[in-house]
Amino acid sequence: MWCLATTIVSSIRCIFCCIKAIWQVTKEEEELTAEERRKLERKLKKERKKKEKQLMREAGISTKKVEPKKQSGSELALAYLTSWSENPEEWKFQKTRQTWLLLHMYDKEKVPDKYFTILLDYLQGLQGGARDITVQKAEAFMKEFDGSDAEDPNLLEKCERIRQVLQLLS
């Protein structure tokens, strides 16, 4: 392993010597324009990265980057809601998060009961067009569900949430 490490270090030194030599040659020939200098620097950087990756592969070290897992829309919206309730000084309005919450607030799987109570508090401060549209949609849902006599538990839970929203906003 020590031998491999010294090989890598000596290879990197060799690369830097080559870069230094190329730079000195270009300086001696003539002054480069800013664009030419940028192109040369990019080319040298690309060659250096390629050589480093090759040395890493030879050493058996993985060169793949691990990308962090991105949060889903529901996770981001619920975190937004939690931030609003627990840390109002640092909370910042985000239209996309509010829109997601308003679209999915009747779905118990997407907005669990724990968050729905917070969402009801959040809705008290809802203003303008968002408030009007939310009331209109809730009334339309209620008319739709009043016409059906289904005893589906999910439907009953959704109706109860709609009633709570209408009661709060009307």
Foldseek 3Di string as FASTA:
>chain_A
DVVLVVVLVVVLVVLVVVVVVVVVVVVVVDDDDPVVVVVVVVVSVVVSVVVNCVSCVVVVHDPDDDDDDDDDLLVVLLVLLVCVVPPVVPRDDDPSSVVVCLVCVLQCVSQPPVSNVSVLVVLLPDDDPVLVVSLVVLVVLLVVVVVDPDPDPSSVSSVVSSVSSNVSSD
